[in-house]
Amino acid sequence: MEKQTTSNWYMVLIKGIVMILLALLILSSPGGALMTVAIYLGIGFLITGIVIVMRGFALRKTNDNWGWAVFEGALDIILGYIILINPLVTAELLPFIIGFWATFYGIMLVINAFSKKDNRMMKILSGIIIVLLGSLIMHNPLFIGLSIAIWAGVLLMIVGVYNVIASFSLK
């Protein structure tokens, strides 16, 4: 089981790099239109969703929890597709979408921290921070205002850095 998990460490690295690049794109022009941010997010969710689904299926023979990875990846793919088919509506709903995704991802990190002993504290801390920021964005979009791009970039940077660090611990 451990050999299969560590042999796919690069998929987690790719996911982390995509998230960091996406965060840098968003943070480089926070004053830009939310439509551009929505398109960046849609593309990012599609790519990372595909990577997560591929990783989940690669682990199906050795990991009993592979279905959760496929489920997470499928949600990312669906979210990316929804964002890309109508970016104008997405721009209006962006605070809720980002907040929901971040909250779900943070909860999954915390749950995952208790299923394995590696990087437990990093997963719990990252998960709690992501849940708090996601909840802030989702439940108080007026507070976020025009800085939604900055908050989205910060969230994606945290998720990306976590995945890069996690991939090297798998290697």
C-alpha atoms as a PDB file:
ATOM      1  CA  MET A   1       0.000   0.000   0.000  1.00  0.00           C
ATOM      2  CA  GLU A   2       2.737   2.435   0.941  1.00  0.00           C
ATOM      3  CA  LYS A   3       4.615   1.786  -2.321  1.00  0.00           C
ATOM      4  CA  GLN A   4       1.552   2.672  -4.447  1.00  0.00           C
ATOM      5  CA  THR A   5       0.934   5.875  -2.472  1.00  0.00           C
ATOM      6  CA  THR A   6       4.539   7.016  -2.698  1.00  0.00           C
ATOM      7  CA  SER A   7       4.841   6.107  -6.389  1.00  0.00           C
ATOM      8  CA  ASN A   8       2.088   8.650  -7.177  1.00  0.00           C
ATOM      9  CA  TRP A   9       3.597  11.500  -5.160  1.00  0.00           C
ATOM     10  CA  TYR A  10       4.052  13.548  -8.331  1.00  0.00           C
ATOM     11  CA  MET A  11       0.271  13.832  -8.843  1.00  0.00           C
ATOM     12  CA  VAL A  12      -0.021  15.626  -5.499  1.00  0.00           C
ATOM     13  CA  LEU A  13       2.938  17.798  -6.542  1.00  0.00           C
ATOM     14  CA  ILE A  14       1.235  18.675  -9.857  1.00  0.00           C
ATOM     15  CA  LYS A  15      -1.958  19.602  -8.003  1.00  0.00           C
ATOM     16  CA  GLY A  16       0.029  21.822  -5.632  1.00  0.00           C
ATOM     17  CA  ILE A  17       1.925  23.530  -8.445  1.00  0.00           C
ATOM     18  CA  VAL A  18      -1.296  24.183 -10.400  1.00  0.00           C
ATOM     19  CA  MET A  19      -2.878  25.711  -7.286  1.00  0.00           C
ATOM     20  CA  ILE A  20       0.195  27.897  -6.612  1.00  0.00           C
ATOM     21  CA  LEU A  21       0.295  29.087 -10.243  1.00  0.00           C
ATOM     22  CA  LEU A  22      -3.413  29.808 -10.109  1.00  0.00           C
ATOM     23  CA  ALA A  23      -2.913  31.757  -6.872  1.00  0.00           C
ATOM     24  CA  LEU A  24      -0.070  33.770  -8.431  1.00  0.00           C
ATOM     25  CA  LEU A  25      -2.223  34.576 -11.471  1.00  0.00           C
ATOM     26  CA  ILE A  26      -5.023  35.792  -9.240  1.00  0.00           C
ATOM     27  CA  LEU A  27      -2.760  37.728  -6.864  1.00  0.00           C
ATOM     28  CA  SER A  28      -0.882  39.409  -9.716  1.00  0.00           C
ATOM     29  CA  SER A  29      -3.988  41.354 -10.759  1.00  0.00           C
ATOM     30  CA  PRO A  30      -6.466  41.562  -7.865  1.00  0.00           C
ATOM     31  CA  GLY A  31      -8.057  44.662  -9.358  1.00  0.00           C
ATOM     32  CA  GLY A  32      -9.013  42.712 -12.472  1.00  0.00           C
ATOM     33  CA  ALA A  33     -12.539  41.702 -13.318  1.00  0.00           C
ATOM     34  CA  LEU A  34     -14.162  38.917 -11.337  1.00  0.00           C
ATOM     35  CA  MET A  35     -14.983  37.263 -14.635  1.00  0.00           C
ATOM     36  CA  THR A  36     -11.289  36.682 -15.243  1.00  0.00           C
ATOM     37  CA  VAL A  37     -10.950  35.265 -11.743  1.00  0.00           C
ATOM     38  CA  ALA A  38     -13.936  32.998 -12.431  1.00  0.00           C
ATOM     39  CA  ILE A  39     -12.306  31.683 -15.609  1.00  0.00           C
ATOM     40  CA  TYR A  40      -8.983  31.096 -13.803  1.00  0.00           C
ATOM     41  CA  LEU A  41     -10.809  29.234 -11.062  1.00  0.00           C
ATOM     42  CA  GLY A  42     -12.822  27.148 -13.511  1.00  0.00           C
ATOM     43  CA  ILE A  43      -9.702  26.035 -15.365  1.00  0.00           C
ATOM     44  CA  GLY A  44      -7.888  25.375 -12.102  1.00  0.00           C
ATOM     45  CA  PHE A  45     -10.734  23.302 -10.671  1.00  0.00           C
ATOM     46  CA  LEU A  46     -10.973  21.240 -13.874  1.00  0.00           C
ATOM     47  CA  ILE A  47      -7.243  20.476 -13.934  1.00  0.00           C
ATOM     48  CA  THR A  48      -6.946  19.676 -10.239  1.00  0.00           C
ATOM     49  CA  GLY A  49     -10.155  17.639 -10.312  1.00  0.00           C
ATOM     50  CA  ILE A  50      -8.780  15.479 -13.117  1.00  0.00           C
ATOM     51  CA  VAL A  51      -5.495  14.991 -11.226  1.00  0.00           C
ATOM     52  CA  ILE A  52      -7.333  14.037  -8.017  1.00  0.00           C
ATOM     53  CA  VAL A  53      -9.598  11.550  -9.834  1.00  0.00           C
ATOM     54  CA  MET A  54      -6.584   9.967 -11.561  1.00  0.00           C
ATOM     55  CA  ARG A  55      -4.789   9.682  -8.215  1.00  0.00           C
ATOM     56  CA  GLY A  56      -7.879   8.180  -6.578  1.00  0.00           C
ATOM     57  CA  PHE A  57      -8.212   5.498  -9.231  1.00  0.00           C
ATOM     58  CA  ALA A  58      -4.466   4.806  -9.090  1.00  0.00           C
ATOM     59  CA  LEU A  59      -4.826   4.111  -5.351  1.00  0.00           C
ATOM     60  CA  ARG A  60      -7.951   1.932  -5.594  1.00  0.00           C
ATOM     61  CA  LYS A  61      -6.113  -1.370  -5.187  1.00  0.00           C
ATOM     62  CA  THR A  62      -4.051  -0.296  -2.196  1.00  0.00           C
ATOM     63  CA  ASN A  63      -6.141   2.284  -0.338  1.00  0.00           C
ATOM     64  CA  ASP A  64      -9.583   1.580   1.081  1.00  0.00           C
ATOM     65  CA  ASN A  65     -10.418   5.319   1.085  1.00  0.00           C
ATOM     66  CA  TRP A  66      -9.736   5.869  -2.620  1.00  0.00           C
ATOM     67  CA  GLY A  67     -13.416   6.646  -3.242  1.00  0.00           C
ATOM     68  CA  TRP A  68     -13.167   9.851  -1.225  1.00  0.00           C
ATOM     69  CA  ALA A  69     -10.376  11.107  -3.478  1.00  0.00           C
ATOM     70  CA  VAL A  70     -12.467  10.330  -6.564  1.00  0.00           C
ATOM     71  CA  PHE A  71     -15.461  12.076  -4.952  1.00  0.00           C
ATOM     72  CA  GLU A  72     -13.372  15.171  -4.165  1.00  0.00           C
ATOM     73  CA  GLY A  73     -11.973  15.231  -7.699  1.00  0.00           C
ATOM     74  CA  ALA A  74     -15.431  14.805  -9.228  1.00  0.00           C
ATOM     75  CA  LEU A  75     -16.709  17.760  -7.185  1.00  0.00           C
ATOM     76  CA  ASP A  76     -13.789  19.871  -8.412  1.00  0.00           C
ATOM     77  CA  ILE A  77     -14.503  18.876 -12.039  1.00  0.00           C
ATOM     78  CA  ILE A  78     -18.223  19.671 -11.697  1.00  0.00           C
ATOM     79  CA  LEU A  79     -17.451  22.998 -10.016  1.00  0.00           C
ATOM     80  CA  GLY A  80     -14.915  23.893 -12.732  1.00  0.00           C
ATOM     81  CA  TYR A  81     -17.415  23.038 -15.469  1.00  0.00           C
ATOM     82  CA  ILE A  82     -20.178  25.102 -13.847  1.00  0.00           C
ATOM     83  CA  ILE A  83     -17.834  28.066 -13.481  1.00  0.00           C
ATOM     84  CA  LEU A  84     -16.702  27.911 -17.106  1.00  0.00           C
ATOM     85  CA  ILE A  85     -20.135  27.529 -18.747  1.00  0.00           C
ATOM     86  CA  ASN A  86     -21.429  30.781 -17.254  1.00  0.00           C
ATOM     87  CA  PRO A  87     -18.691  33.024 -15.846  1.00  0.00           C
ATOM     88  CA  LEU A  88     -21.004  36.071 -15.467  1.00  0.00           C
ATOM     89  CA  VAL A  89     -23.297  34.301 -13.014  1.00  0.00           C
ATOM     90  CA  THR A  90     -20.258  32.751 -11.404  1.00  0.00           C
ATOM     91  CA  ALA A  91     -18.737  36.194 -10.779  1.00  0.00           C
ATOM     92  CA  GLU A  92     -21.827  37.129  -8.771  1.00  0.00           C
ATOM     93  CA  LEU A  93     -21.781  33.854  -6.833  1.00  0.00           C
ATOM     94  CA  LEU A  94     -18.007  33.734  -6.473  1.00  0.00           C
ATOM     95  CA  PRO A  95     -17.827  34.468  -2.734  1.00  0.00           C
ATOM     96  CA  PHE A  96     -20.178  31.592  -1.936  1.00  0.00           C
ATOM     97  CA  ILE A  97     -18.510  29.189  -4.396  1.00  0.00           C
ATOM     98  CA  ILE A  98     -15.004  29.892  -3.099  1.00  0.00           C
ATOM     99  CA  GLY A  99     -16.165  29.792   0.504  1.00  0.00           C
ATOM    100  CA  PHE A 100     -18.008  26.489   0.040  1.00  0.00           C
ATOM    101  CA  TRP A 101     -15.081  24.882  -1.760  1.00  0.00           C
ATOM    102  CA  ALA A 102     -12.582  26.076   0.855  1.00  0.00           C
ATOM    103  CA  THR A 103     -14.770  24.926   3.750  1.00  0.00           C
ATOM    104  CA  PHE A 104     -15.247  21.481   2.184  1.00  0.00           C
ATOM    105  CA  TYR A 105     -11.536  21.146   1.391  1.00  0.00           C
ATOM    106  CA  GLY A 106     -10.545  22.208   4.911  1.00  0.00           C
ATOM    107  CA  ILE A 107     -12.942  19.708   6.487  1.00  0.00           C
ATOM    108  CA  MET A 108     -11.538  16.947   4.256  1.00  0.00           C
ATOM    109  CA  LEU A 109      -7.997  17.851   5.400  1.00  0.00           C
ATOM    110  CA  VAL A 110      -8.954  17.652   9.069  1.00  0.00           C
ATOM    111  CA  ILE A 111     -10.734  14.306   8.542  1.00  0.00           C
ATOM    112  CA  ASN A 112      -7.747  12.997   6.601  1.00  0.00           C
ATOM    113  CA  ALA A 113      -5.435  14.049   9.446  1.00  0.00           C
ATOM    114  CA  PHE A 114      -7.077  11.496  11.732  1.00  0.00           C
ATOM    115  CA  SER A 115      -6.955   8.654   9.209  1.00  0.00           C
ATOM    116  CA  LYS A 116      -3.168   8.784   8.815  1.00  0.00           C
ATOM    117  CA  LYS A 117      -0.379   9.815  11.165  1.00  0.00           C
ATOM    118  CA  ASP A 118       1.873  11.548   8.634  1.00  0.00           C
ATOM    119  CA  ASN A 119       1.752  15.360   8.663  1.00  0.00           C
ATOM    120  CA  ARG A 120      -1.150  15.259  11.130  1.00  0.00           C
ATOM    121  CA  MET A 121      -0.539  18.676  12.700  1.00  0.00           C
ATOM    122  CA  MET A 122       0.083  20.358   9.338  1.00  0.00           C
ATOM    123  CA  LYS A 123      -3.159  18.905   7.969  1.00  0.00           C
ATOM    124  CA  ILE A 124      -5.160  19.961  11.028  1.00  0.00           C
ATOM    125  CA  LEU A 125      -3.705  23.485  11.086  1.00  0.00           C
ATOM    126  CA  SER A 126      -4.103  23.980   7.325  1.00  0.00           C
ATOM    127  CA  GLY A 127      -7.624  22.544   7.436  1.00  0.00           C
ATOM    128  CA  ILE A 128      -8.713  24.824  10.291  1.00  0.00           C
ATOM    129  CA  ILE A 129      -7.270  27.935   8.605  1.00  0.00           C
ATOM    130  CA  ILE A 130      -8.924  27.035   5.301  1.00  0.00           C
ATOM    131  CA  VAL A 131     -12.307  26.356   6.996  1.00  0.00           C
ATOM    132  CA  LEU A 132     -12.150  29.680   8.857  1.00  0.00           C
ATOM    133  CA  LEU A 133     -11.271  31.678   5.736  1.00  0.00           C
ATOM    134  CA  GLY A 134     -13.840  29.780   3.658  1.00  0.00           C
ATOM    135  CA  SER A 135     -16.565  30.430   6.221  1.00  0.00           C
ATOM    136  CA  LEU A 136     -15.639  34.108   6.388  1.00  0.00           C
ATOM    137  CA  ILE A 137     -15.895  34.432   2.617  1.00  0.00           C
ATOM    138  CA  MET A 138     -19.089  32.381   2.307  1.00  0.00           C
ATOM    139  CA  HIS A 139     -21.052  33.947   5.151  1.00  0.00           C
ATOM    140  CA  ASN A 140     -19.929  37.547   4.880  1.00  0.00           C
ATOM    141  CA  PRO A 141     -19.345  38.441   1.217  1.00  0.00           C
ATOM    142  CA  LEU A 142     -19.843  42.160   1.875  1.00  0.00           C
ATOM    143  CA  PHE A 143     -16.852  42.100   4.216  1.00  0.00           C
ATOM    144  CA  ILE A 144     -14.773  40.636   1.453  1.00  0.00           C
ATOM    145  CA  GLY A 145     -15.915  43.251  -1.087  1.00  0.00           C
ATOM    146  CA  LEU A 146     -13.518  43.842  -3.928  1.00  0.00           C
ATOM    147  CA  SER A 147     -10.765  41.837  -2.279  1.00  0.00           C
ATOM    148  CA  ILE A 148     -12.343  38.496  -3.213  1.00  0.00           C
ATOM    149  CA  ALA A 149      -9.521  37.924  -5.691  1.00  0.00           C
ATOM    150  CA  ILE A 150      -6.943  38.403  -2.950  1.00  0.00           C
ATOM    151  CA  TRP A 151      -8.741  36.019  -0.586  1.00  0.00           C
ATOM    152  CA  ALA A 152      -9.129  33.429  -3.339  1.00  0.00           C
ATOM    153  CA  GLY A 153      -5.436  33.764  -4.126  1.00  0.00           C
ATOM    154  CA  VAL A 154      -4.487  33.357  -0.466  1.00  0.00           C
ATOM    155  CA  LEU A 155      -6.672  30.250  -0.137  1.00  0.00           C
ATOM    156  CA  LEU A 156      -5.279  28.697  -3.290  1.00  0.00           C
ATOM    157  CA  MET A 157      -1.723  29.493  -2.171  1.00  0.00           C
ATOM    158  CA  ILE A 158      -2.287  27.737   1.182  1.00  0.00           C
ATOM    159  CA  VAL A 159      -3.787  24.699  -0.565  1.00  0.00           C
ATOM    160  CA  GLY A 160      -1.005  24.661  -3.166  1.00  0.00           C
ATOM    161  CA  VAL A 161       1.827  24.934  -0.641  1.00  0.00           C
ATOM    162  CA  TYR A 162       0.241  22.219   1.486  1.00  0.00           C
ATOM    163  CA  ASN A 163       0.052  19.876  -1.529  1.00  0.00           C
ATOM    164  CA  VAL A 164       3.662  20.557  -2.564  1.00  0.00           C
ATOM    165  CA  ILE A 165       4.900  19.832   0.975  1.00  0.00           C
ATOM    166  CA  ALA A 166       2.698  16.753   1.203  1.00  0.00           C
ATOM    167  CA  SER A 167       3.999  15.433  -2.123  1.00  0.00           C
ATOM    168  CA  PHE A 168       7.606  15.569  -0.939  1.00  0.00           C
ATOM    169  CA  SER A 169       6.700  13.773   2.265  1.00  0.00           C
ATOM    170  CA  LEU A 170       5.112  11.046   0.096  1.00  0.00           C
ATOM    171  CA  LYS A 171       8.263  10.800  -2.003  1.00  0.00           C
END
